[in-house]
Amino acid sequence: MTKNSYQKPSQQTQEEALIIAKGTQRPAQTKEQTKLIAHGIQKGIDLYKKQQKEKTRDLNRKIKKTASQKEQSIKSDDNEIQEEIIYRQHWLPWLLLFLTWLGAGIYFLV
């Protein structure tokens, strides 16, 4: 399939191009010249629509790619978090509690 396959423009595009061409028509301009201008405007509209469709497709690809990467990173993060959780308490609070009880015991005994 060739890359430059020409598709017939839609009726709406043709009408828009003709309206724009008639809006910019000069007093001495012939109908044939107006049709040529409308045809050029029509090609410009078609090119613009193709570019917008391509941009939209690229954006959708990027969104899907980032979404899948986030999903994979979330899954891997969950596994890492589960492996890294270790419940250890520091010895300093227990030492302070013991010394407090020991000090209170000595205070009441003396």
N, C-alpha and C. Protein backbone atom coordinates (compact mmCIF):
# COMPACT_ATOMS: atom_id res chain seq x y z
N MET A 1 0.85 -1.17 0.00
CA MET A 1 0.00 0.00 0.00
C MET A 1 0.90 1.24 0.00
N THR A 2 0.60 2.17 -0.85
CA THR A 2 1.40 3.38 -0.95
C THR A 2 1.02 4.36 0.14
N LYS A 3 1.98 5.17 0.50
CA LYS A 3 1.77 6.11 1.58
C LYS A 3 0.92 7.30 1.14
N ASN A 4 0.96 7.64 -0.13
CA ASN A 4 0.25 8.82 -0.63
C ASN A 4 -1.10 8.46 -1.23
N SER A 5 -1.78 7.46 -0.70
CA SER A 5 -3.09 7.12 -1.22
C SER A 5 -4.06 8.26 -0.88
N TYR A 6 -4.76 8.73 -1.89
CA TYR A 6 -5.63 9.89 -1.72
C TYR A 6 -7.03 9.43 -1.36
N GLN A 7 -7.56 10.00 -0.29
CA GLN A 7 -8.92 9.72 0.10
C GLN A 7 -9.78 10.92 -0.25
N LYS A 8 -10.99 10.66 -0.69
CA LYS A 8 -11.89 11.74 -1.04
C LYS A 8 -12.29 12.48 0.24
N PRO A 9 -12.16 13.81 0.23
CA PRO A 9 -12.51 14.57 1.44
C PRO A 9 -14.01 14.52 1.69
N SER A 10 -14.37 14.73 2.92
CA SER A 10 -15.78 14.67 3.30
C SER A 10 -16.54 15.86 2.73
N GLN A 11 -17.83 15.72 2.66
CA GLN A 11 -18.70 16.77 2.14
C GLN A 11 -18.62 18.02 3.02
N GLN A 12 -18.52 17.80 4.31
CA GLN A 12 -18.45 18.92 5.25
C GLN A 12 -17.17 19.74 5.02
N THR A 13 -16.06 19.05 4.77
CA THR A 13 -14.80 19.73 4.52
C THR A 13 -14.88 20.54 3.23
N GLN A 14 -15.50 19.97 2.22
CA GLN A 14 -15.65 20.67 0.95
C GLN A 14 -16.49 21.94 1.13
N GLU A 15 -17.57 21.82 1.89
CA GLU A 15 -18.44 22.98 2.12
C GLU A 15 -17.71 24.07 2.91
N GLU A 16 -16.96 23.66 3.93
CA GLU A 16 -16.21 24.64 4.73
C GLU A 16 -15.19 25.37 3.87
N ALA A 17 -14.49 24.62 3.03
CA ALA A 17 -13.48 25.23 2.16
C ALA A 17 -14.12 26.20 1.19
N LEU A 18 -15.27 25.85 0.63
CA LEU A 18 -15.95 26.74 -0.31
C LEU A 18 -16.44 28.01 0.39
N ILE A 19 -16.95 27.88 1.61
CA ILE A 19 -17.40 29.05 2.36
C ILE A 19 -16.23 29.99 2.66
N ILE A 20 -15.10 29.43 3.06
CA ILE A 20 -13.92 30.25 3.36
C ILE A 20 -13.43 30.94 2.08
N ALA A 21 -13.41 30.18 0.97
CA ALA A 21 -12.93 30.75 -0.30
C ALA A 21 -13.85 31.88 -0.76
N LYS A 22 -15.16 31.71 -0.61
CA LYS A 22 -16.09 32.76 -1.01
C LYS A 22 -15.98 33.98 -0.10
N GLY A 23 -15.64 33.74 1.16
CA GLY A 23 -15.49 34.85 2.10
C GLY A 23 -14.29 35.72 1.80
N THR A 24 -13.27 35.15 1.18
CA THR A 24 -12.07 35.92 0.84
C THR A 24 -12.00 36.26 -0.64
N GLN A 25 -13.09 36.10 -1.35
CA GLN A 25 -13.13 36.32 -2.80
C GLN A 25 -12.95 37.80 -3.13
N ARG A 26 -12.15 38.08 -4.15
CA ARG A 26 -11.90 39.45 -4.64
C ARG A 26 -12.95 39.79 -5.70
N PRO A 27 -13.20 41.07 -5.91
CA PRO A 27 -14.23 41.46 -6.88
C PRO A 27 -13.98 40.98 -8.32
N ALA A 28 -12.75 40.94 -8.78
CA ALA A 28 -12.47 40.56 -10.16
C ALA A 28 -12.15 39.07 -10.29
N GLN A 29 -12.37 38.31 -9.26
CA GLN A 29 -11.99 36.90 -9.25
C GLN A 29 -13.07 36.05 -9.93
N THR A 30 -12.63 35.10 -10.75
CA THR A 30 -13.58 34.24 -11.46
C THR A 30 -13.98 33.06 -10.58
N LYS A 31 -15.04 32.36 -11.02
CA LYS A 31 -15.50 31.19 -10.27
C LYS A 31 -14.46 30.08 -10.27
N GLU A 32 -13.76 29.97 -11.38
CA GLU A 32 -12.73 28.93 -11.49
C GLU A 32 -11.59 29.19 -10.49
N GLN A 33 -11.21 30.43 -10.35
CA GLN A 33 -10.16 30.78 -9.38
C GLN A 33 -10.64 30.50 -7.96
N THR A 34 -11.93 30.80 -7.70
CA THR A 34 -12.49 30.54 -6.37
C THR A 34 -12.49 29.05 -6.08
N LYS A 35 -12.80 28.24 -7.10
CA LYS A 35 -12.79 26.78 -6.91
C LYS A 35 -11.38 26.28 -6.62
N LEU A 36 -10.39 26.84 -7.31
CA LEU A 36 -9.00 26.44 -7.07
C LEU A 36 -8.57 26.81 -5.64
N ILE A 37 -8.97 27.99 -5.20
CA ILE A 37 -8.64 28.42 -3.83
C ILE A 37 -9.34 27.50 -2.83
N ALA A 38 -10.60 27.17 -3.09
CA ALA A 38 -11.35 26.27 -2.20
C ALA A 38 -10.67 24.90 -2.15
N HIS A 39 -10.17 24.45 -3.30
CA HIS A 39 -9.48 23.15 -3.33
C HIS A 39 -8.21 23.19 -2.48
N GLY A 40 -7.46 24.29 -2.55
CA GLY A 40 -6.25 24.44 -1.74
C GLY A 40 -6.59 24.49 -0.25
N ILE A 41 -7.65 25.20 0.10
CA ILE A 41 -8.08 25.27 1.50
C ILE A 41 -8.51 23.89 1.99
N GLN A 42 -9.18 23.17 1.11
CA GLN A 42 -9.64 21.81 1.44
C GLN A 42 -8.45 20.89 1.73
N LYS A 43 -7.42 20.98 0.93
CA LYS A 43 -6.21 20.18 1.17
C LYS A 43 -5.57 20.57 2.50
N GLY A 44 -5.57 21.86 2.80
CA GLY A 44 -5.01 22.31 4.07
C GLY A 44 -5.79 21.78 5.26
N ILE A 45 -7.12 21.77 5.15
CA ILE A 45 -7.96 21.24 6.23
C ILE A 45 -7.69 19.76 6.42
N ASP A 46 -7.61 19.02 5.30
CA ASP A 46 -7.34 17.58 5.38
C ASP A 46 -5.98 17.30 6.02
N LEU A 47 -4.97 18.08 5.65
CA LEU A 47 -3.64 17.91 6.22
C LEU A 47 -3.67 18.19 7.72
N TYR A 48 -4.38 19.24 8.11
CA TYR A 48 -4.49 19.58 9.53
C TYR A 48 -5.16 18.44 10.31
N LYS A 49 -6.24 17.89 9.75
CA LYS A 49 -6.94 16.80 10.43
C LYS A 49 -6.04 15.58 10.57
N LYS A 50 -5.25 15.27 9.53
CA LYS A 50 -4.33 14.13 9.60
C LYS A 50 -3.29 14.35 10.70
N GLN A 51 -2.77 15.57 10.78
CA GLN A 51 -1.77 15.86 11.80
C GLN A 51 -2.35 15.73 13.19
N GLN A 52 -3.58 16.20 13.38
CA GLN A 52 -4.21 16.11 14.69
C GLN A 52 -4.47 14.66 15.07
N LYS A 53 -4.90 13.84 14.10
CA LYS A 53 -5.12 12.42 14.38
C LYS A 53 -3.82 11.74 14.78
N GLU A 54 -2.73 12.08 14.09
CA GLU A 54 -1.43 11.50 14.41
C GLU A 54 -0.97 11.91 15.80
N LYS A 55 -1.16 13.17 16.15
CA LYS A 55 -0.79 13.63 17.49
C LYS A 55 -1.60 12.91 18.56
N THR A 56 -2.89 12.72 18.28
CA THR A 56 -3.75 12.04 19.24
C THR A 56 -3.31 10.60 19.43
N ARG A 57 -2.99 9.92 18.33
CA ARG A 57 -2.51 8.53 18.44
C ARG A 57 -1.21 8.45 19.23
N ASP A 58 -0.28 9.36 18.95
CA ASP A 58 0.98 9.36 19.69
C ASP A 58 0.75 9.61 21.18
N LEU A 59 -0.13 10.53 21.49
CA LEU A 59 -0.44 10.83 22.88
C LEU A 59 -1.06 9.62 23.57
N ASN A 60 -1.98 8.94 22.89
CA ASN A 60 -2.60 7.74 23.46
C ASN A 60 -1.57 6.65 23.70
N ARG A 61 -0.63 6.50 22.77
CA ARG A 61 0.45 5.50 22.95
C ARG A 61 1.28 5.83 24.18
N LYS A 62 1.64 7.10 24.34
CA LYS A 62 2.44 7.51 25.49
C LYS A 62 1.68 7.30 26.79
N ILE A 63 0.39 7.61 26.79
CA ILE A 63 -0.42 7.43 28.00
C ILE A 63 -0.49 5.96 28.37
N LYS A 64 -0.72 5.10 27.38
CA LYS A 64 -0.79 3.66 27.65
C LYS A 64 0.55 3.14 28.15
N LYS A 65 1.62 3.63 27.56
CA LYS A 65 2.96 3.18 27.95
C LYS A 65 3.27 3.58 29.40
N THR A 66 2.98 4.83 29.75
CA THR A 66 3.26 5.27 31.12
C THR A 66 2.35 4.57 32.12
N ALA A 67 1.10 4.31 31.72
CA ALA A 67 0.18 3.62 32.62
C ALA A 67 0.66 2.20 32.89
N SER A 68 1.14 1.53 31.86
CA SER A 68 1.63 0.16 32.07
C SER A 68 2.91 0.17 32.91
N GLN A 69 3.76 1.16 32.70
CA GLN A 69 4.98 1.25 33.50
C GLN A 69 4.66 1.53 34.96
N LYS A 70 3.69 2.40 35.22
CA LYS A 70 3.30 2.69 36.60
C LYS A 70 2.72 1.44 37.25
N GLU A 71 1.91 0.72 36.49
CA GLU A 71 1.30 -0.49 37.02
C GLU A 71 2.36 -1.52 37.38
N GLN A 72 3.36 -1.67 36.54
CA GLN A 72 4.43 -2.61 36.82
C GLN A 72 5.26 -2.16 38.01
N SER A 73 5.52 -0.86 38.11
CA SER A 73 6.33 -0.37 39.23
C SER A 73 5.57 -0.51 40.54
N ILE A 74 4.25 -0.32 40.51
CA ILE A 74 3.45 -0.48 41.72
C ILE A 74 3.49 -1.93 42.18
N LYS A 75 3.38 -2.85 41.25
CA LYS A 75 3.43 -4.27 41.61
C LYS A 75 4.79 -4.64 42.19
N SER A 76 5.86 -4.14 41.58
CA SER A 76 7.18 -4.46 42.08
C SER A 76 7.43 -3.78 43.43
N ASP A 77 6.91 -2.56 43.62
CA ASP A 77 7.06 -1.87 44.89
C ASP A 77 6.34 -2.62 46.01
N ASP A 78 5.16 -3.16 45.72
CA ASP A 78 4.42 -3.91 46.72
C ASP A 78 5.22 -5.12 47.20
N ASN A 79 5.84 -5.81 46.27
CA ASN A 79 6.65 -6.97 46.64
C ASN A 79 7.85 -6.57 47.48
N GLU A 80 8.49 -5.47 47.10
CA GLU A 80 9.66 -5.02 47.85
C GLU A 80 9.26 -4.57 49.25
N ILE A 81 8.14 -3.90 49.37
CA ILE A 81 7.70 -3.42 50.68
C ILE A 81 7.40 -4.59 51.59
N GLN A 82 6.75 -5.61 51.08
CA GLN A 82 6.42 -6.77 51.89
C GLN A 82 7.69 -7.47 52.36
N GLU A 83 8.71 -7.49 51.56
CA GLU A 83 9.95 -8.15 51.94
C GLU A 83 10.76 -7.31 52.92
N GLU A 84 10.63 -6.00 52.89
CA GLU A 84 11.47 -5.13 53.70
C GLU A 84 10.88 -4.80 55.06
N ILE A 85 9.64 -5.17 55.34
CA ILE A 85 9.03 -4.84 56.62
C ILE A 85 9.61 -5.74 57.71
N ILE A 86 10.28 -5.10 58.65
CA ILE A 86 10.87 -5.82 59.79
C ILE A 86 10.46 -5.05 61.04
N TYR A 87 9.80 -5.76 61.96
CA TYR A 87 9.35 -5.12 63.19
C TYR A 87 10.42 -5.28 64.25
N ARG A 88 11.18 -4.21 64.45
CA ARG A 88 12.20 -4.21 65.49
C ARG A 88 12.01 -2.95 66.31
N GLN A 89 12.17 -3.10 67.60
CA GLN A 89 12.07 -1.94 68.47
C GLN A 89 13.45 -1.60 68.98
N HIS A 90 13.63 -0.34 69.19
CA HIS A 90 14.92 0.12 69.68
C HIS A 90 15.03 -0.23 71.16
N TRP A 91 16.25 -0.47 71.65
CA TRP A 91 16.48 -0.89 73.03
C TRP A 91 16.43 0.26 74.03
N LEU A 92 16.59 1.51 73.55
CA LEU A 92 16.65 2.65 74.45
C LEU A 92 15.36 2.86 75.26
N PRO A 93 14.17 2.81 74.68
CA PRO A 93 12.97 2.99 75.52
C PRO A 93 12.84 1.92 76.60
N TRP A 94 13.20 0.69 76.28
CA TRP A 94 13.12 -0.38 77.28
C TRP A 94 14.13 -0.15 78.40
N LEU A 95 15.32 0.33 78.05
CA LEU A 95 16.33 0.62 79.06
C LEU A 95 15.85 1.74 79.98
N LEU A 96 15.28 2.79 79.40
CA LEU A 96 14.77 3.91 80.21
C LEU A 96 13.63 3.46 81.12
N LEU A 97 12.74 2.59 80.61
CA LEU A 97 11.66 2.07 81.44
C LEU A 97 12.22 1.25 82.61
N PHE A 98 13.19 0.41 82.33
CA PHE A 98 13.80 -0.41 83.38
C PHE A 98 14.48 0.48 84.43
N LEU A 99 15.23 1.49 83.96
CA LEU A 99 15.92 2.38 84.92
C LEU A 99 14.91 3.17 85.75
N THR A 100 13.79 3.57 85.17
CA THR A 100 12.76 4.29 85.90
C THR A 100 12.18 3.41 87.00
N TRP A 101 11.83 2.17 86.65
CA TRP A 101 11.29 1.25 87.65
C TRP A 101 12.33 0.94 88.73
N LEU A 102 13.56 0.78 88.30
CA LEU A 102 14.63 0.51 89.27
C LEU A 102 14.81 1.71 90.21
N GLY A 103 14.79 2.91 89.64
CA GLY A 103 14.92 4.11 90.47
C GLY A 103 13.73 4.28 91.41
N ALA A 104 12.53 3.99 90.95
CA ALA A 104 11.35 4.10 91.81
C ALA A 104 11.40 3.05 92.91
N GLY A 105 11.86 1.85 92.57
CA GLY A 105 11.97 0.79 93.57
C GLY A 105 12.99 1.15 94.65
N ILE A 106 14.14 1.68 94.24
CA ILE A 106 15.16 2.07 95.21
C ILE A 106 14.66 3.23 96.06
N TYR A 107 13.96 4.16 95.49
CA TYR A 107 13.42 5.30 96.21
C TYR A 107 12.46 4.86 97.29
N PHE A 108 11.55 3.94 96.96
CA PHE A 108 10.57 3.48 97.95
C PHE A 108 11.19 2.57 99.00
N LEU A 109 12.25 1.87 98.69
CA LEU A 109 12.88 0.99 99.66
C LEU A 109 13.75 1.79 100.64
N VAL A 110 14.30 2.84 100.22
CA VAL A 110 15.19 3.62 101.10
C VAL A 110 14.44 4.63 101.84
